Amino acid sequence: MSDETEPEPCDDCREPLTDALARTVRLTVDRSQIDSQRLCPECFADWIDRYEGEMTPGSDESENEGSEIIVD
């Protein structure tokens, strides 16, 4: 038996991660961590593209998605 453990998978694509290339994305609100994801380089690049598209003022995506505020 080997002492090596299998690398943890990317939280998006589920491919094994290498620590040197993995990125962690953390979502915090009022200093409380809401979510944390370990992503491979490709999934991280996709995440950045989605973030920029949704957060850019005047983009079609930011106007159409998330415009509702729901308070419980």
C-alpha atoms as a PDB file:
ATOM      1  CA  MET A   1       0.000   0.000   0.000  1.00  0.00           C
ATOM      2  CA  SER A   2       1.113   3.506  -0.732  1.00  0.00           C
ATOM      3  CA  ASP A   3       1.051   6.431   1.700  1.00  0.00           C
ATOM      4  CA  GLU A   4       0.158   8.835  -1.111  1.00  0.00           C
ATOM      5  CA  THR A   5      -3.357  10.188  -1.118  1.00  0.00           C
ATOM      6  CA  GLU A   6      -5.232  10.931  -4.291  1.00  0.00           C
ATOM      7  CA  PRO A   7      -5.377  14.662  -5.092  1.00  0.00           C
ATOM      8  CA  GLU A   8      -8.645  16.374  -4.287  1.00  0.00           C
ATOM      9  CA  PRO A   9     -10.860  17.041  -7.305  1.00  0.00           C
ATOM     10  CA  CYS A  10     -11.740  20.426  -8.781  1.00  0.00           C
ATOM     11  CA  ASP A  11     -15.076  21.551  -7.315  1.00  0.00           C
ATOM     12  CA  ASP A  12     -16.375  22.287 -10.829  1.00  0.00           C
ATOM     13  CA  CYS A  13     -15.091  19.670 -13.312  1.00  0.00           C
ATOM     14  CA  ARG A  14     -14.069  17.066 -10.678  1.00  0.00           C
ATOM     15  CA  GLU A  15     -10.618  16.494 -12.272  1.00  0.00           C
ATOM     16  CA  PRO A  16      -7.748  15.868  -9.802  1.00  0.00           C
ATOM     17  CA  LEU A  17      -6.015  19.084  -8.701  1.00  0.00           C
ATOM     18  CA  THR A  18      -2.321  19.743  -8.353  1.00  0.00           C
ATOM     19  CA  ASP A  19      -1.696  22.167  -5.511  1.00  0.00           C
ATOM     20  CA  ALA A  20       0.705  24.286  -7.551  1.00  0.00           C
ATOM     21  CA  LEU A  21      -1.995  25.115 -10.128  1.00  0.00           C
ATOM     22  CA  ALA A  22      -5.178  25.088  -8.048  1.00  0.00           C
ATOM     23  CA  ARG A  23      -6.949  28.303  -7.117  1.00  0.00           C
ATOM     24  CA  THR A  24      -9.341  28.875  -4.245  1.00  0.00           C
ATOM     25  CA  VAL A  25     -12.310  31.200  -4.718  1.00  0.00           C
ATOM     26  CA  ARG A  26     -13.943  32.398  -1.482  1.00  0.00           C
ATOM     27  CA  LEU A  27     -17.230  34.254  -1.220  1.00  0.00           C
ATOM     28  CA  THR A  28     -17.626  36.295   1.944  1.00  0.00           C
ATOM     29  CA  VAL A  29     -20.404  38.590   3.082  1.00  0.00           C
ATOM     30  CA  ASP A  30     -19.885  40.826   6.108  1.00  0.00           C
ATOM     31  CA  ARG A  31     -16.713  38.871   6.965  1.00  0.00           C
ATOM     32  CA  SER A  32     -18.613  35.550   7.066  1.00  0.00           C
ATOM     33  CA  GLN A  33     -17.495  32.951   4.535  1.00  0.00           C
ATOM     34  CA  ILE A  34     -20.460  31.816   2.452  1.00  0.00           C
ATOM     35  CA  ASP A  35     -18.722  29.547  -0.060  1.00  0.00           C
ATOM     36  CA  SER A  36     -15.272  28.293  -0.980  1.00  0.00           C
ATOM     37  CA  GLN A  37     -14.253  26.418  -4.131  1.00  0.00           C
ATOM     38  CA  ARG A  38     -10.956  24.832  -5.229  1.00  0.00           C
ATOM     39  CA  LEU A  39     -10.699  25.144  -9.004  1.00  0.00           C
ATOM     40  CA  CYS A  40      -8.320  23.924 -11.697  1.00  0.00           C
ATOM     41  CA  PRO A  41      -6.824  26.594 -13.991  1.00  0.00           C
ATOM     42  CA  GLU A  42      -9.451  26.092 -16.746  1.00  0.00           C
ATOM     43  CA  CYS A  43     -12.413  26.277 -14.363  1.00  0.00           C
ATOM     44  CA  PHE A  44     -10.853  29.293 -12.623  1.00  0.00           C
ATOM     45  CA  ALA A  45     -10.525  31.077 -15.997  1.00  0.00           C
ATOM     46  CA  ASP A  46     -14.183  30.268 -16.738  1.00  0.00           C
ATOM     47  CA  TRP A  47     -15.157  31.594 -13.279  1.00  0.00           C
ATOM     48  CA  ILE A  48     -13.271  34.850 -13.935  1.00  0.00           C
ATOM     49  CA  ASP A  49     -15.008  35.257 -17.325  1.00  0.00           C
ATOM     50  CA  ARG A  50     -18.445  34.731 -15.736  1.00  0.00           C
ATOM     51  CA  TYR A  51     -17.607  37.133 -12.885  1.00  0.00           C
ATOM     52  CA  GLU A  52     -16.454  39.854 -15.275  1.00  0.00           C
ATOM     53  CA  GLY A  53     -19.517  39.353 -17.486  1.00  0.00           C
ATOM     54  CA  GLU A  54     -21.944  39.555 -14.590  1.00  0.00           C
ATOM     55  CA  MET A  55     -20.244  42.394 -12.741  1.00  0.00           C
ATOM     56  CA  THR A  56     -19.480  44.712 -15.678  1.00  0.00           C
ATOM     57  CA  PRO A  57     -21.900  47.654 -15.624  1.00  0.00           C
ATOM     58  CA  GLY A  58     -24.140  47.717 -18.674  1.00  0.00           C
ATOM     59  CA  SER A  59     -23.496  44.137 -19.742  1.00  0.00           C
ATOM     60  CA  ASP A  60     -26.497  42.179 -20.975  1.00  0.00           C
ATOM     61  CA  GLU A  61     -25.942  39.407 -18.417  1.00  0.00           C
ATOM     62  CA  SER A  62     -25.859  41.763 -15.429  1.00  0.00           C
ATOM     63  CA  GLU A  63     -29.118  43.413 -16.499  1.00  0.00           C
ATOM     64  CA  ASN A  64     -31.017  40.181 -17.175  1.00  0.00           C
ATOM     65  CA  GLU A  65     -29.803  37.931 -14.365  1.00  0.00           C
ATOM     66  CA  GLY A  66     -29.973  38.586 -10.672  1.00  0.00           C
ATOM     67  CA  SER A  67     -32.128  41.687 -10.951  1.00  0.00           C
ATOM     68  CA  GLU A  68     -34.596  40.356  -8.392  1.00  0.00           C
ATOM     69  CA  ILE A  69     -33.917  40.790  -4.713  1.00  0.00           C
ATOM     70  CA  ILE A  70     -35.607  38.215  -2.504  1.00  0.00           C
ATOM     71  CA  VAL A  71     -35.743  38.767   1.247  1.00  0.00           C
ATOM     72  CA  ASP A  72     -36.933  35.984   3.507  1.00  0.00           C
END
